[in-house]
Each structure stands twice: as structure tokens, then as C-alpha cells.
PDB file of N, CA and C in Angstrom:
ATOM      1  N   UNK A   1       0.852  -1.176   0.000  1.00  0.00           N
ATOM      2  CA  UNK A   1       0.000   0.000   0.000  1.00  0.00           C
ATOM      3  C   UNK A   1       0.896   1.237   0.000  1.00  0.00           C
ATOM      4  N   UNK A   2       0.529   2.211  -0.813  1.00  0.00           N
ATOM      5  CA  UNK A   2       1.259   3.479  -0.877  1.00  0.00           C
ATOM      6  C   UNK A   2       0.314   4.588  -0.418  1.00  0.00           C
ATOM      7  N   UNK A   3       0.857   5.484   0.380  1.00  0.00           N
ATOM      8  CA  UNK A   3       0.062   6.584   0.926  1.00  0.00           C
ATOM      9  C   UNK A   3       0.727   7.897   0.542  1.00  0.00           C
ATOM     10  N   UNK A   4      -0.049   8.760  -0.113  1.00  0.00           N
ATOM     11  CA  UNK A   4       0.446  10.073  -0.507  1.00  0.00           C
ATOM     12  C   UNK A   4       0.029  11.093   0.539  1.00  0.00           C
ATOM     13  N   UNK A   5       0.992  11.855   1.037  1.00  0.00           N
ATOM     14  CA  UNK A   5       0.682  12.954   1.948  1.00  0.00           C
ATOM     15  C   UNK A   5       1.147  14.249   1.288  1.00  0.00           C
ATOM     16  N   UNK A   6       0.268  15.235   1.302  1.00  0.00           N
ATOM     17  CA  UNK A   6       0.550  16.522   0.676  1.00  0.00           C
ATOM     18  C   UNK A   6       0.486  17.592   1.757  1.00  0.00           C
ATOM     19  N   UNK A   7       1.503  18.438   1.795  1.00  0.00           N
ATOM     20  CA  UNK A   7       1.545  19.508   2.790  1.00  0.00           C
ATOM     21  C   UNK A   7       2.223  20.717   2.180  1.00  0.00           C
ATOM     22  N   UNK A   8       1.965  21.881   2.777  1.00  0.00           N
ATOM     23  CA  UNK A   8       2.559  23.093   2.239  1.00  0.00           C
ATOM     24  C   UNK A   8       2.915  24.132   3.279  1.00  0.00           C
ATOM     25  N   UNK A   9       2.427  23.920   4.495  1.00  0.00           N
ATOM     26  CA  UNK A   9       2.672  24.913   5.540  1.00  0.00           C
ATOM     27  C   UNK A   9       3.329  24.254   6.749  1.00  0.00           C
ATOM     28  N   UNK A  10       3.921  25.082   7.577  1.00  0.00           N
ATOM     29  CA  UNK A  10       4.568  24.589   8.798  1.00  0.00           C
ATOM     30  C   UNK A  10       3.579  23.858   9.708  1.00  0.00           C
ATOM     31  N   UNK A  11       2.387  24.413   9.967  1.00  0.00           N
ATOM     32  CA  UNK A  11       1.445  23.687  10.825  1.00  0.00           C
ATOM     33  C   UNK A  11       1.050  22.323  10.266  1.00  0.00           C
ATOM     34  N   UNK A  12       0.958  22.220   8.950  1.00  0.00           N
ATOM     35  CA  UNK A  12       0.613  20.923   8.356  1.00  0.00           C
ATOM     36  C   UNK A  12       1.711  19.901   8.603  1.00  0.00           C
ATOM     37  N   UNK A  13       2.961  20.310   8.471  1.00  0.00           N
ATOM     38  CA  UNK A  13       4.076  19.385   8.723  1.00  0.00           C
ATOM     39  C   UNK A  13       4.099  18.976  10.184  1.00  0.00           C
ATOM     40  N   UNK A  14       3.880  19.922  11.080  1.00  0.00           N
ATOM     41  CA  UNK A  14       3.875  19.615  12.512  1.00  0.00           C
ATOM     42  C   UNK A  14       2.801  18.585  12.837  1.00  0.00           C
ATOM     43  N   UNK A  15       1.626  18.725  12.231  1.00  0.00           N
ATOM     44  CA  UNK A  15       0.528  17.788  12.492  1.00  0.00           C
ATOM     45  C   UNK A  15       0.721  16.445  11.796  1.00  0.00           C
ATOM     46  N   UNK A  16       1.300  16.466  10.596  1.00  0.00           N
ATOM     47  CA  UNK A  16       1.434  15.236   9.827  1.00  0.00           C
ATOM     48  C   UNK A  16       2.679  14.414  10.175  1.00  0.00           C
ATOM     49  N   UNK A  17       3.715  15.033  10.686  1.00  0.00           N
ATOM     50  CA  UNK A  17       4.971  14.317  10.953  1.00  0.00           C
ATOM     51  C   UNK A  17       4.772  13.068  11.817  1.00  0.00           C
ATOM     52  N   UNK A  18       4.046  13.146  12.936  1.00  0.00           N
ATOM     53  CA  UNK A  18       3.846  11.925  13.732  1.00  0.00           C
ATOM     54  C   UNK A  18       3.065  10.851  12.976  1.00  0.00           C
ATOM     55  N   UNK A  19       2.137  11.274  12.149  1.00  0.00           N
ATOM     56  CA  UNK A  19       1.344  10.317  11.351  1.00  0.00           C
ATOM     57  C   UNK A  19       2.249   9.643  10.316  1.00  0.00           C
ATOM     58  N   UNK A  20       3.072  10.445   9.647  1.00  0.00           N
ATOM     59  CA  UNK A  20       3.993   9.907   8.647  1.00  0.00           C
ATOM     60  C   UNK A  20       4.951   8.904   9.291  1.00  0.00           C
ATOM     61  N   UNK A  21       5.491   9.255  10.443  1.00  0.00           N
ATOM     62  CA  UNK A  21       6.416   8.354  11.148  1.00  0.00           C
ATOM     63  C   UNK A  21       5.728   7.055  11.560  1.00  0.00           C
ATOM     64  N   UNK A  22       4.492   7.143  12.020  1.00  0.00           N
ATOM     65  CA  UNK A  22       3.747   5.943  12.417  1.00  0.00           C
ATOM     66  C   UNK A  22       3.471   5.052  11.209  1.00  0.00           C
ATOM     67  N   UNK A  23       3.146   5.647  10.096  1.00  0.00           N
ATOM     68  CA  UNK A  23       2.898   4.873   8.877  1.00  0.00           C
ATOM     69  C   UNK A  23       4.176   4.157   8.448  1.00  0.00           C
ATOM     70  N   UNK A  24       5.300   4.867   8.493  1.00  0.00           N
ATOM     71  CA  UNK A  24       6.577   4.254   8.122  1.00  0.00           C
ATOM     72  C   UNK A  24       6.932   3.097   9.049  1.00  0.00           C
ATOM     73  N   UNK A  25       6.661   3.262  10.354  1.00  0.00           N
ATOM     74  CA  UNK A  25       6.955   2.186  11.322  1.00  0.00           C
ATOM     75  C   UNK A  25       6.154   0.927  11.012  1.00  0.00           C
ATOM     76  N   UNK A  26       5.001   1.096  10.419  1.00  0.00           N
ATOM     77  CA  UNK A  26       4.165  -0.063  10.062  1.00  0.00           C
ATOM     78  C   UNK A  26       4.601  -0.699   8.745  1.00  0.00           C
ATOM     79  N   UNK A  27       5.655  -0.142   8.150  1.00  0.00           N
ATOM     80  CA  UNK A  27       6.203  -0.735   6.937  1.00  0.00           C
ATOM     81  C   UNK A  27       5.482  -0.341   5.657  1.00  0.00           C
ATOM     82  N   UNK A  28       4.660   0.684   5.720  1.00  0.00           N
ATOM     83  CA  UNK A  28       3.941   1.129   4.527  1.00  0.00           C
ATOM     84  C   UNK A  28       4.761   2.176   3.781  1.00  0.00           C
ATOM     85  N   UNK A  29       4.504   2.281   2.504  1.00  0.00           N
ATOM     86  CA  UNK A  29       5.229   3.222   1.645  1.00  0.00           C
ATOM     87  C   UNK A  29       4.538   4.581   1.701  1.00  0.00           C
ATOM     88  N   UNK A  30       5.253   5.594   2.171  1.00  0.00           N
ATOM     89  CA  UNK A  30       4.703   6.949   2.273  1.00  0.00           C
ATOM     90  C   UNK A  30       5.385   7.832   1.234  1.00  0.00           C
ATOM     91  N   UNK A  31       4.587   8.478   0.423  1.00  0.00           N
ATOM     92  CA  UNK A  31       5.102   9.408  -0.571  1.00  0.00           C
ATOM     93  C   UNK A  31       4.798  10.811  -0.069  1.00  0.00           C
ATOM     94  N   UNK A  32       5.823  11.642   0.023  1.00  0.00           N
ATOM     95  CA  UNK A  32       5.665  12.991   0.541  1.00  0.00           C
ATOM     96  C   UNK A  32       5.689  13.996  -0.606  1.00  0.00           C
ATOM     97  N   UNK A  33       4.696  14.886  -0.611  1.00  0.00           N
ATOM     98  CA  UNK A  33       4.594  15.905  -1.648  1.00  0.00           C
ATOM     99  C   UNK A  33       4.435  17.273  -0.979  1.00  0.00           C
ATOM    100  N   UNK A  34       5.363  18.176  -1.264  1.00  0.00           N
ATOM    101  CA  UNK A  34       5.311  19.529  -0.705  1.00  0.00           C
ATOM    102  C   UNK A  34       4.788  20.482  -1.768  1.00  0.00           C
ATOM    103  N   UNK A  35       3.866  21.341  -1.361  1.00  0.00           N
ATOM    104  CA  UNK A  35       3.339  22.321  -2.314  1.00  0.00           C
ATOM    105  C   UNK A  35       4.267  23.522  -2.443  1.00  0.00           C
ATOM    106  N   UNK A  36       5.097  23.740  -1.434  1.00  0.00           N
ATOM    107  CA  UNK A  36       6.012  24.878  -1.461  1.00  0.00           C
ATOM    108  C   UNK A  36       5.327  26.186  -1.096  1.00  0.00           C
ATOM    109  N   UNK A  37       4.225  26.083  -0.394  1.00  0.00           N
ATOM    110  CA  UNK A  37       3.411  27.244  -0.054  1.00  0.00           C
ATOM    111  C   UNK A  37       4.165  28.269   0.795  1.00  0.00           C
ATOM    112  N   UNK A  38       4.800  27.831   1.852  1.00  0.00           N
ATOM    113  CA  UNK A  38       5.590  28.704   2.725  1.00  0.00           C
ATOM    114  C   UNK A  38       6.985  28.101   2.822  1.00  0.00           C
ATOM    115  N   UNK A  39       7.788  28.326   1.833  1.00  0.00           N
ATOM    116  CA  UNK A  39       9.056  27.621   1.629  1.00  0.00           C
ATOM    117  C   UNK A  39       9.993  27.635   2.829  1.00  0.00           C
ATOM    118  N   UNK A  40      10.308  28.812   3.371  1.00  0.00           N
ATOM    119  CA  UNK A  40      11.313  28.872   4.439  1.00  0.00           C
ATOM    120  C   UNK A  40      10.844  28.133   5.695  1.00  0.00           C
ATOM    121  N   UNK A  41       9.624  28.393   6.118  1.00  0.00           N
ATOM    122  CA  UNK A  41       9.107  27.740   7.332  1.00  0.00           C
ATOM    123  C   UNK A  41       8.902  26.247   7.096  1.00  0.00           C
ATOM    124  N   UNK A  42       8.491  25.888   5.900  1.00  0.00           N
ATOM    125  CA  UNK A  42       8.287  24.490   5.561  1.00  0.00           C
ATOM    126  C   UNK A  42       9.607  23.727   5.643  1.00  0.00           C
ATOM    127  N   UNK A  43      10.654  24.282   5.044  1.00  0.00           N
ATOM    128  CA  UNK A  43      11.960  23.621   5.058  1.00  0.00           C
ATOM    129  C   UNK A  43      12.500  23.445   6.479  1.00  0.00           C
ATOM    130  N   UNK A  44      12.264  24.434   7.343  1.00  0.00           N
ATOM    131  CA  UNK A  44      12.713  24.318   8.734  1.00  0.00           C
ATOM    132  C   UNK A  44      12.062  23.129   9.425  1.00  0.00           C
ATOM    133  N   UNK A  45      10.765  22.973   9.248  1.00  0.00           N
ATOM    134  CA  UNK A  45      10.055  21.877   9.918  1.00  0.00           C
ATOM    135  C   UNK A  45      10.406  20.530   9.316  1.00  0.00           C
ATOM    136  N   UNK A  46      10.610  20.475   8.020  1.00  0.00           N
ATOM    137  CA  UNK A  46      11.019  19.214   7.398  1.00  0.00           C
ATOM    138  C   UNK A  46      12.352  18.756   7.970  1.00  0.00           C
ATOM    139  N   UNK A  47      13.248  19.710   8.195  1.00  0.00           N
ATOM    140  CA  UNK A  47      14.552  19.376   8.774  1.00  0.00           C
ATOM    141  C   UNK A  47      14.411  18.889  10.216  1.00  0.00           C
ATOM    142  N   UNK A  48      13.564  19.549  10.990  1.00  0.00           N
ATOM    143  CA  UNK A  48      13.351  19.151  12.388  1.00  0.00           C
ATOM    144  C   UNK A  48      12.879  17.701  12.471  1.00  0.00           C
ATOM    145  N   UNK A  49      11.980  17.302  11.572  1.00  0.00           N
ATOM    146  CA  UNK A  49      11.420  15.951  11.607  1.00  0.00           C
ATOM    147  C   UNK A  49      12.145  14.972  10.685  1.00  0.00           C
ATOM    148  N   UNK A  50      13.253  15.416  10.087  1.00  0.00           N
ATOM    149  CA  UNK A  50      14.044  14.576   9.177  1.00  0.00           C
ATOM    150  C   UNK A  50      13.190  13.994   8.048  1.00  0.00           C
ATOM    151  N   UNK A  51      12.372  14.836   7.466  1.00  0.00           N
ATOM    152  CA  UNK A  51      11.523  14.424   6.349  1.00  0.00           C
ATOM    153  C   UNK A  51      12.030  15.070   5.064  1.00  0.00           C
ATOM    154  N   UNK A  52      11.943  14.328   3.976  1.00  0.00           N
ATOM    155  CA  UNK A  52      12.354  14.866   2.681  1.00  0.00           C
ATOM    156  C   UNK A  52      11.263  14.554   1.659  1.00  0.00           C
ATOM    157  N   UNK A  53      10.678  15.576   1.055  1.00  0.00           N
ATOM    158  CA  UNK A  53       9.613  15.327   0.080  1.00  0.00           C
ATOM    159  C   UNK A  53      10.125  14.548  -1.136  1.00  0.00           C
ATOM    160  N   UNK A  54       9.276  13.665  -1.625  1.00  0.00           N
ATOM    161  CA  UNK A  54       9.571  12.947  -2.860  1.00  0.00           C
ATOM    162  C   UNK A  54       9.273  13.836  -4.066  1.00  0.00           C
ATOM    163  N   UNK A  55       8.289  14.707  -3.889  1.00  0.00           N
ATOM    164  CA  UNK A  55       7.884  15.641  -4.931  1.00  0.00           C
ATOM    165  C   UNK A  55       7.736  17.029  -4.330  1.00  0.00           C
ATOM    166  N   UNK A  56       8.121  18.038  -5.082  1.00  0.00           N
ATOM    167  CA  UNK A  56       7.958  19.420  -4.644  1.00  0.00           C
ATOM    168  C   UNK A  56       7.295  20.191  -5.782  1.00  0.00           C
ATOM    169  N   UNK A  57       6.072  20.632  -5.558  1.00  0.00           N
ATOM    170  CA  UNK A  57       5.311  21.310  -6.603  1.00  0.00           C
ATOM    171  C   UNK A  57       5.769  22.738  -6.841  1.00  0.00           C
ATOM    172  N   UNK A  58       6.482  23.319  -5.877  1.00  0.00           N
ATOM    173  CA  UNK A  58       7.002  24.687  -5.979  1.00  0.00           C
ATOM    174  C   UNK A  58       5.939  25.672  -6.495  1.00  0.00           C
ATOM    175  N   UNK A  59       4.779  25.648  -5.863  1.00  0.00           N
ATOM    176  CA  UNK A  59       3.660  26.483  -6.314  1.00  0.00           C
ATOM    177  C   UNK A  59       3.884  27.965  -6.094  1.00  0.00           C
ATOM    178  N   UNK A  60       4.554  28.328  -5.035  1.00  0.00           N
ATOM    179  CA  UNK A  60       4.770  29.747  -4.757  1.00  0.00           C
ATOM    180  C   UNK A  60       6.106  30.178  -5.341  1.00  0.00           C
ATOM    181  N   UNK A  61       6.013  30.931  -6.394  1.00  0.00           N
ATOM    182  CA  UNK A  61       7.203  31.442  -7.069  1.00  0.00           C
ATOM    183  C   UNK A  61       7.186  32.961  -6.975  1.00  0.00           C
ATOM    184  N   UNK A  62       8.342  33.572  -7.041  1.00  0.00           N
ATOM    185  CA  UNK A  62       8.355  35.027  -7.016  1.00  0.00           C
ATOM    186  C   UNK A  62       7.525  35.595  -8.169  1.00  0.00           C
ATOM    187  N   UNK A  63       6.751  36.611  -7.865  1.00  0.00           N
ATOM    188  CA  UNK A  63       5.931  37.232  -8.906  1.00  0.00           C
ATOM    189  C   UNK A  63       6.698  38.364  -9.561  1.00  0.00           C
ATOM    190  N   UNK A  64       6.439  38.553 -10.811  1.00  0.00           N
ATOM    191  CA  UNK A  64       7.091  39.659 -11.506  1.00  0.00           C
ATOM    192  C   UNK A  64       6.190  40.887 -11.442  1.00  0.00           C
ATOM    193  N   UNK A  65       6.765  42.008 -11.196  1.00  0.00           N
ATOM    194  CA  UNK A  65       6.014  43.276 -11.122  1.00  0.00           C
ATOM    195  C   UNK A  65       6.042  43.926 -12.500  1.00  0.00           C
ATOM    196  N   UNK A  66       4.900  44.453 -12.897  1.00  0.00           N
ATOM    197  CA  UNK A  66       4.831  45.149 -14.197  1.00  0.00           C
ATOM    198  C   UNK A  66       4.795  46.623 -14.029  1.00  0.00           C
TER     199      UNK A  66
END
């Protein structure tokens, strides 16, 4: 069984990290997908929980001013 988890904010990582770890302990395949919504805060929390996304959608990109 494969389980996809999608997150983009620091609070989402904080809430999902224990769930992701529990799923991994049960031997299930967890696929992590980051939306990149709040990049700096997201990366900090991923490091704290030793999580690395399998996919990064990089949705928030710098906007160009006209």
C-alpha cells in the first residue's frame, strides 16, 4: 500500500509528521509531496522531523512586477 501525503505549511508538517512516522513504522510506503506554499518555514520543519519530500510542486514562485 502506498500513501500520498501533501503539505505546504509549517502547521501541516507539525501535524502530519507523527502520522507519517507511524505509517513508516508499520512498513507502509509513504510518498511525501510539498506544495512549497511557505518555503522557508516548511523547510525548517522538514529538517526538524528529518523528512524529505519525494515531490515538490514549488507552487509559490516570485511574482514579476509590471
